[in-house]
Amino acid sequence: MLADQPPYRVSQLWHGLYSRLAEPAELTELPQVLRARLSAEPTLAPSLGLLSETVADQGRTLKWLWSLRGGAMVETVLMHYPDRSTVCVSTQAGCAMGCGFCATGQTGFTRHLSTGEIVEQVVAAARSCRQAPADHVGQPPRRLTNVVFMGMGEPLANFPRVWGAIERLHADLGLSARHLTVSTVGVVPGIRSLASKGLPVGLAVSLHAANDALRDRLVPINRRWPLAALMDACQMWRQATGRRLSFEWALIDQVNDSLSDAAQLADWARSLHAHVNLIPLNATPGWPTVATPPDGVRAFAQALTDHGVNTTVRRNRGANIDAACGQLAARAATSPHPANGPAVVAD
């Protein structure tokens, strides 16, 4: 691509693309003819096509619907908080894990995302952060601080490409490994691979049940890797990284929200010094049950605290635009408007 250019052009291009997150046409330090050539270079062309942007929470939550080469679609969610900006990225189009209460699981699996498609979501979020208004006058421009692999798909079922993305985000975009978190429903070989890699990337396990009988129903992969095997892998990861493990628990009314459920969860959490994130179930069209009511959420959280477990209740961001945990489905209903460019919908 740059064989006919002086060597320093490579450094200029690399710095522009990864440190400044610029488009080839924006690299004004390069000659205009070279910029035009790079803009037309197929290997530098975006692999994601923006179909729509949906905004909620007074502009603090944004959801993007992307088209992939081949026709599949995925979603990405960017969330601004007073002290950080976090992007939730997808790693697969659809998901094969079959968790019935998750909208992505209800759609089935289409294909893996490439390393480039995963990284592009982060780059888009980082660019958006720079354009986002500050919460307070005099506050410096926003920057992307955290990446969570919690969007569509099971990250550890696409481990080689996800790890490739992690390495690029860490080495090229300069994001700390401690600000990168991988979520999994319990793919044990993937957890062990994550533990062996040397970067202290965070791990969040979508647990949702603390006994095998119930977890077999809610999270079908448990039939392949039951709780004892999952916890052994989590212990290996914890010892290798020195990081605190997180358990994610979607509270489903009269399914996994009893005090006995809390006691069983507390036993696992204490044994691994894990933190528990409670998430009242977000509504999806294909799941008949509802979230635990607020009083039940408070009682469950208090029971965990009484058992000595560090517990938080996650605030649902973007639920009104189907951008909250478990709601991403890349529905074709938010299809593009070719005559006017990408659709933009506000809350």
Protein backbone atom coordinates (compact mmCIF):
# COMPACT_ATOMS: atom_id res chain seq x y z
CA MET A 1 0.00 0.00 0.00
CA LEU A 2 2.84 2.42 0.88
CA ALA A 3 5.66 0.69 -0.97
CA ASP A 4 6.31 3.79 -3.06
CA GLN A 5 6.36 6.12 -0.03
CA PRO A 6 9.16 7.07 2.39
CA PRO A 7 9.21 4.96 5.58
CA TYR A 8 7.96 7.77 7.82
CA ARG A 9 4.63 7.74 5.98
CA VAL A 10 3.85 4.39 7.64
CA SER A 11 4.24 5.97 11.09
CA GLN A 12 2.10 8.93 10.05
CA LEU A 13 -0.65 6.67 8.76
CA TRP A 14 -0.56 4.39 11.82
CA HIS A 15 -0.60 7.33 14.23
CA GLY A 16 -3.45 8.97 12.35
CA LEU A 17 -5.63 5.89 12.14
CA TYR A 18 -5.11 4.54 15.67
CA SER A 19 -4.00 7.41 17.92
CA ARG A 20 -6.08 10.18 16.36
CA LEU A 21 -8.82 7.83 15.09
CA ALA A 22 -8.94 9.85 11.90
CA GLU A 23 -10.29 8.88 8.50
CA PRO A 24 -7.70 8.71 5.67
CA ALA A 25 -9.13 11.88 4.12
CA GLU A 26 -8.52 13.74 7.42
CA LEU A 27 -4.78 12.99 7.51
CA THR A 28 -3.69 16.42 6.30
CA GLU A 29 -0.03 15.65 7.04
CA LEU A 30 -0.16 13.30 4.02
CA PRO A 31 -0.10 14.59 0.43
CA GLN A 32 -3.54 15.09 -1.08
CA VAL A 33 -2.91 12.50 -3.80
CA LEU A 34 -1.96 9.90 -1.18
CA ARG A 35 -5.02 10.75 0.94
CA ALA A 36 -7.25 10.18 -2.06
CA ARG A 37 -5.57 6.86 -2.79
CA LEU A 38 -5.91 5.70 0.82
CA SER A 39 -9.56 6.74 0.92
CA ALA A 40 -10.18 4.46 -2.06
CA GLU A 41 -8.12 1.58 -0.62
CA PRO A 42 -10.45 -1.42 -0.01
CA THR A 43 -8.50 -2.63 3.05
CA LEU A 44 -9.10 0.73 4.76
CA ALA A 45 -12.78 0.93 3.87
CA PRO A 46 -15.20 0.61 6.82
CA SER A 47 -16.63 -2.89 7.23
CA LEU A 48 -19.64 -1.54 9.16
CA GLY A 49 -22.40 0.46 7.52
CA LEU A 50 -24.46 2.71 9.78
CA LEU A 51 -28.18 2.02 9.40
CA SER A 52 -29.55 3.99 12.34
CA GLU A 53 -28.65 5.84 15.51
CA THR A 54 -31.10 5.91 18.41
CA VAL A 55 -30.67 8.25 21.38
CA ALA A 56 -32.02 8.02 24.95
CA ASP A 57 -31.37 9.37 28.46
CA GLN A 58 -30.99 12.98 27.26
CA GLY A 59 -28.24 11.99 24.87
CA ARG A 60 -26.28 9.90 27.37
CA THR A 61 -27.16 6.57 25.73
CA LEU A 62 -26.72 5.95 22.01
CA LYS A 63 -27.46 2.76 20.10
CA TRP A 64 -26.12 2.16 16.60
CA LEU A 65 -27.44 -0.43 14.19
CA TRP A 66 -24.79 -1.57 11.71
CA SER A 67 -24.97 -3.62 8.54
CA LEU A 68 -22.17 -6.11 7.96
CA ARG A 69 -20.82 -7.43 4.69
CA GLY A 70 -23.04 -10.30 3.72
CA GLY A 71 -26.22 -8.71 5.06
CA ALA A 72 -26.12 -9.45 8.80
CA MET A 73 -26.77 -6.69 11.36
CA VAL A 74 -25.41 -5.95 14.83
CA GLU A 75 -25.84 -3.26 17.45
CA THR A 76 -23.48 -1.22 19.61
CA VAL A 77 -24.39 0.86 22.68
CA LEU A 78 -22.44 3.85 24.01
CA MET A 79 -23.22 5.06 27.55
CA HIS A 80 -21.98 8.31 29.05
CA TYR A 81 -21.65 8.66 32.82
CA PRO A 82 -20.30 11.63 34.80
CA ASP A 83 -16.91 9.98 35.25
CA ARG A 84 -16.59 7.67 32.24
CA SER A 85 -17.89 6.65 28.82
CA THR A 86 -18.43 2.95 28.16
CA VAL A 87 -19.11 1.19 24.88
CA CYS A 88 -20.85 -2.19 24.78
CA VAL A 89 -19.73 -4.01 21.63
CA SER A 90 -21.07 -7.02 19.77
CA THR A 91 -18.85 -9.98 18.88
CA GLN A 92 -21.28 -12.10 16.86
CA ALA A 93 -24.32 -11.49 14.68
CA GLY A 94 -26.89 -13.32 16.73
CA CYS A 95 -25.96 -15.90 19.36
CA ALA A 96 -26.00 -19.69 19.59
CA MET A 97 -26.16 -19.93 23.39
CA GLY A 98 -29.97 -20.16 23.45
CA CYS A 99 -30.71 -18.22 26.65
CA GLY A 100 -34.45 -17.71 26.21
CA PHE A 101 -34.76 -14.45 28.16
CA CYS A 102 -32.14 -12.72 25.97
CA ALA A 103 -33.35 -11.05 22.76
CA THR A 104 -30.10 -11.89 20.97
CA GLY A 105 -30.43 -15.56 21.92
CA GLN A 106 -33.97 -15.55 20.56
CA THR A 107 -32.69 -14.52 17.10
CA GLY A 108 -30.30 -17.46 16.67
CA PHE A 109 -26.73 -17.37 15.33
CA THR A 110 -25.71 -15.85 11.99
CA ARG A 111 -21.92 -15.49 12.04
CA HIS A 112 -18.82 -14.39 13.97
CA LEU A 113 -17.60 -10.83 13.70
CA SER A 114 -14.04 -10.28 12.53
CA THR A 115 -11.43 -8.58 14.66
CA GLY A 116 -11.75 -5.51 12.44
CA GLU A 117 -15.54 -5.37 12.81
CA ILE A 118 -15.19 -5.47 16.58
CA VAL A 119 -12.50 -2.79 16.67
CA GLU A 120 -14.50 -0.56 14.31
CA GLN A 121 -17.32 -0.40 16.86
CA VAL A 122 -14.88 0.91 19.45
CA VAL A 123 -13.39 3.43 17.04
CA ALA A 124 -16.88 4.72 16.20
CA ALA A 125 -17.62 5.12 19.90
CA ALA A 126 -14.34 6.91 20.55
CA ARG A 127 -15.04 9.36 17.73
CA SER A 128 -18.55 9.94 19.07
CA CYS A 129 -17.19 10.64 22.55
CA ARG A 130 -15.06 13.47 21.21
CA GLN A 131 -18.17 15.11 19.79
CA ALA A 132 -20.35 14.58 22.89
CA PRO A 133 -21.20 17.65 24.99
CA ALA A 134 -19.64 17.82 28.44
CA ASP A 135 -21.90 17.53 31.49
CA HIS A 136 -20.52 20.73 33.01
CA VAL A 137 -19.08 23.98 31.71
CA GLY A 138 -15.30 23.80 31.62
CA GLN A 139 -15.22 20.01 31.64
CA PRO A 140 -12.70 18.62 29.14
CA PRO A 141 -13.99 16.79 26.05
CA ARG A 142 -15.22 13.29 26.68
CA ARG A 143 -13.07 10.30 25.85
CA LEU A 144 -13.86 6.63 25.67
CA THR A 145 -12.65 4.98 28.88
CA ASN A 146 -14.20 1.50 29.00
CA VAL A 147 -15.05 -1.30 26.59
CA VAL A 148 -17.34 -4.14 27.61
CA PHE A 149 -17.79 -7.17 25.34
CA MET A 150 -21.42 -7.55 26.40
CA GLY A 151 -23.31 -6.82 23.18
CA MET A 152 -24.70 -9.35 20.74
CA GLY A 153 -23.09 -12.78 20.83
CA GLU A 154 -20.96 -14.89 23.16
CA PRO A 155 -17.44 -13.38 23.09
CA LEU A 156 -15.64 -16.54 24.20
CA ALA A 157 -17.27 -18.55 21.41
CA ASN A 158 -15.40 -16.20 19.04
CA PHE A 159 -12.23 -16.14 21.10
CA PRO A 160 -9.47 -15.74 18.45
CA ARG A 161 -11.10 -12.68 16.90
CA VAL A 162 -12.13 -11.19 20.24
CA TRP A 163 -8.61 -11.59 21.59
CA GLY A 164 -7.24 -10.03 18.42
CA ALA A 165 -9.50 -7.03 19.06
CA ILE A 166 -8.37 -6.82 22.70
CA GLU A 167 -4.72 -6.74 21.64
CA ARG A 168 -5.38 -3.94 19.15
CA LEU A 169 -7.43 -1.92 21.61
CA HIS A 170 -4.70 -2.29 24.21
CA ALA A 171 -1.62 -1.80 22.04
CA ASP A 172 -2.86 0.50 19.27
CA LEU A 173 -5.70 2.50 20.82
CA GLY A 174 -4.00 2.67 24.22
CA LEU A 175 -6.90 1.36 26.31
CA SER A 176 -5.87 -0.19 29.60
CA ALA A 177 -6.55 -3.92 29.91
CA ARG A 178 -8.21 -3.14 33.24
CA HIS A 179 -10.79 -1.09 31.37
CA LEU A 180 -11.68 -3.98 29.06
CA THR A 181 -14.24 -6.52 30.30
CA VAL A 182 -15.32 -9.75 28.60
CA SER A 183 -18.72 -11.23 29.42
CA THR A 184 -19.55 -14.91 29.07
CA VAL A 185 -22.41 -17.26 29.90
CA GLY A 186 -19.83 -19.84 30.94
CA VAL A 187 -17.70 -21.07 28.03
CA VAL A 188 -15.12 -22.80 30.20
CA PRO A 189 -12.34 -23.29 27.58
CA GLY A 190 -12.60 -19.61 26.71
CA ILE A 191 -12.22 -18.55 30.34
CA ARG A 192 -9.13 -20.72 30.63
CA SER A 193 -7.73 -19.21 27.43
CA LEU A 194 -8.44 -15.72 28.76
CA ALA A 195 -6.55 -16.59 31.93
CA SER A 196 -3.51 -17.74 29.97
CA LYS A 197 -3.02 -14.60 27.88
CA GLY A 198 -1.20 -12.35 30.31
CA LEU A 199 -3.36 -9.22 30.05
CA PRO A 200 -5.52 -8.60 33.16
CA VAL A 201 -8.76 -8.17 31.22
CA GLY A 202 -11.90 -8.18 33.35
CA LEU A 203 -14.34 -11.09 33.38
CA ALA A 204 -18.11 -10.97 33.97
CA VAL A 205 -19.98 -14.27 34.14
CA SER A 206 -23.68 -14.20 33.31
CA LEU A 207 -24.69 -16.64 36.03
CA HIS A 208 -28.48 -16.16 36.57
CA ALA A 209 -28.83 -19.38 38.59
CA ALA A 210 -26.72 -20.94 41.33
CA ASN A 211 -27.82 -24.56 41.02
CA ASP A 212 -27.44 -26.79 37.99
CA ALA A 213 -31.13 -27.73 37.69
CA LEU A 214 -32.28 -24.13 37.27
CA ARG A 215 -29.24 -23.02 35.30
CA ASP A 216 -29.75 -25.86 32.81
CA ARG A 217 -33.13 -24.27 32.03
CA LEU A 218 -32.04 -20.63 31.92
CA VAL A 219 -28.55 -20.99 30.42
CA PRO A 220 -28.44 -24.17 28.27
CA ILE A 221 -24.61 -24.15 27.96
CA ASN A 222 -24.62 -25.20 31.64
CA ARG A 223 -25.48 -28.73 30.49
CA ARG A 224 -22.07 -28.88 28.83
CA TRP A 225 -20.09 -27.03 31.52
CA PRO A 226 -21.96 -27.23 34.82
CA LEU A 227 -21.35 -24.92 37.74
CA ALA A 228 -18.49 -26.88 39.32
CA ALA A 229 -16.46 -26.76 36.07
CA LEU A 230 -17.35 -23.10 35.55
CA MET A 231 -16.23 -22.13 39.04
CA ASP A 232 -12.95 -24.02 38.64
CA ALA A 233 -12.23 -22.02 35.47
CA CYS A 234 -13.17 -18.77 37.22
CA GLN A 235 -10.77 -19.58 40.05
CA MET A 236 -8.01 -20.20 37.51
CA TRP A 237 -8.74 -16.82 35.87
CA ARG A 238 -8.77 -15.03 39.23
CA GLN A 239 -5.44 -16.51 40.28
CA ALA A 240 -3.85 -15.70 36.92
CA THR A 241 -5.02 -12.09 36.70
CA GLY A 242 -5.45 -10.95 40.29
CA ARG A 243 -8.72 -9.32 39.21
CA ARG A 244 -12.07 -9.43 40.95
CA LEU A 245 -14.66 -11.59 39.21
CA SER A 246 -18.19 -10.30 38.55
CA PHE A 247 -21.36 -12.37 38.49
CA GLU A 248 -24.24 -10.96 36.44
CA TRP A 249 -27.69 -11.98 37.64
CA ALA A 250 -30.88 -11.07 35.76
CA LEU A 251 -33.64 -11.08 38.37
CA ILE A 252 -36.72 -12.87 37.01
CA ASP A 253 -39.91 -12.74 39.03
CA GLN A 254 -40.55 -16.01 40.90
CA VAL A 255 -37.84 -17.80 38.94
CA ASN A 256 -34.46 -16.94 40.50
CA ASP A 257 -35.25 -14.25 43.05
CA SER A 258 -36.01 -16.18 46.25
CA LEU A 259 -34.01 -15.95 49.44
CA SER A 260 -32.76 -19.51 48.86
CA ASP A 261 -31.49 -18.40 45.43
CA ALA A 262 -29.68 -15.56 47.16
CA ALA A 263 -28.10 -17.94 49.66
CA GLN A 264 -26.88 -20.30 46.93
CA LEU A 265 -25.47 -17.38 44.94
CA ALA A 266 -23.76 -16.04 48.05
CA ASP A 267 -21.98 -19.37 48.60
CA TRP A 268 -20.43 -19.24 45.11
CA ALA A 269 -19.64 -15.53 45.31
CA ARG A 270 -17.91 -15.77 48.68
CA SER A 271 -15.82 -18.74 47.57
CA LEU A 272 -14.43 -16.66 44.69
CA HIS A 273 -14.52 -13.22 46.34
CA ALA A 274 -16.81 -12.19 43.49
CA HIS A 275 -18.88 -9.05 43.07
CA VAL A 276 -22.54 -9.48 42.10
CA ASN A 277 -24.34 -7.21 39.64
CA LEU A 278 -28.10 -7.57 39.90
CA ILE A 279 -30.06 -6.68 36.76
CA PRO A 280 -33.87 -6.59 36.86
CA LEU A 281 -34.88 -8.54 33.75
CA ASN A 282 -35.31 -6.32 30.71
CA ALA A 283 -38.39 -6.97 28.61
CA THR A 284 -37.99 -8.94 25.37
CA PRO A 285 -40.76 -10.00 22.98
CA GLY A 286 -39.98 -13.72 23.12
CA TRP A 287 -39.88 -14.30 26.90
CA PRO A 288 -43.12 -14.56 28.89
CA THR A 289 -41.85 -13.74 32.41
CA VAL A 290 -41.23 -10.33 33.93
CA ALA A 291 -38.66 -8.63 36.09
CA THR A 292 -38.59 -8.98 39.84
CA PRO A 293 -40.48 -5.98 41.29
CA PRO A 294 -38.45 -3.26 43.07
CA ASP A 295 -39.25 -4.54 46.57
CA GLY A 296 -38.04 -8.00 45.59
CA VAL A 297 -34.86 -6.57 44.07
CA ARG A 298 -34.12 -4.71 47.29
CA ALA A 299 -34.79 -7.82 49.39
CA PHE A 300 -32.54 -9.98 47.20
CA ALA A 301 -29.74 -7.40 47.30
CA GLN A 302 -30.06 -7.08 51.06
CA ALA A 303 -29.92 -10.87 51.48
CA LEU A 304 -26.65 -10.99 49.52
CA THR A 305 -25.24 -8.14 51.59
CA ASP A 306 -26.25 -9.93 54.78
CA HIS A 307 -24.37 -12.99 53.48
CA GLY A 308 -21.22 -10.86 53.09
CA VAL A 309 -21.34 -10.39 49.31
CA ASN A 310 -20.45 -7.09 47.64
CA THR A 311 -23.56 -6.30 45.58
CA THR A 312 -24.83 -3.60 43.24
CA VAL A 313 -28.09 -3.19 41.35
CA ARG A 314 -27.39 -2.10 37.80
CA ARG A 315 -29.32 0.88 36.57
CA ASN A 316 -31.03 0.04 33.30
CA ARG A 317 -29.79 2.42 30.60
CA GLY A 318 -31.54 2.60 27.24
CA ALA A 319 -34.39 0.19 28.04
CA ASN A 320 -36.85 2.42 26.16
CA ILE A 321 -34.80 2.01 22.95
CA ASP A 322 -34.11 -1.74 23.44
CA ALA A 323 -30.48 -0.96 24.28
CA ALA A 324 -30.37 -2.41 27.80
CA CYS A 325 -28.80 -5.67 28.87
CA GLY A 326 -30.33 -8.63 27.02
CA GLN A 327 -32.36 -6.48 24.60
CA LEU A 328 -30.02 -6.22 21.59
CA ALA A 329 -31.53 -7.98 18.60
CA ALA A 330 -30.61 -5.84 15.55
CA ARG A 331 -34.23 -5.76 14.49
CA ALA A 332 -34.82 -4.98 10.85
CA ALA A 333 -37.62 -2.63 11.92
CA THR A 334 -34.96 0.04 12.35
CA SER A 335 -34.00 -0.23 8.70
CA PRO A 336 -32.16 2.50 6.77
CA HIS A 337 -33.70 5.43 4.99
CA PRO A 338 -31.59 5.54 1.82
CA ALA A 339 -32.81 8.90 0.57
CA ASN A 340 -31.88 10.73 3.75
CA GLY A 341 -28.99 8.70 5.14
CA PRO A 342 -29.04 6.89 8.51
CA ALA A 343 -32.18 7.17 10.60
CA VAL A 344 -31.78 9.13 13.85
CA VAL A 345 -34.42 8.57 16.50
CA ALA A 346 -34.55 10.43 19.82
CA ASP A 347 -36.24 9.24 22.97
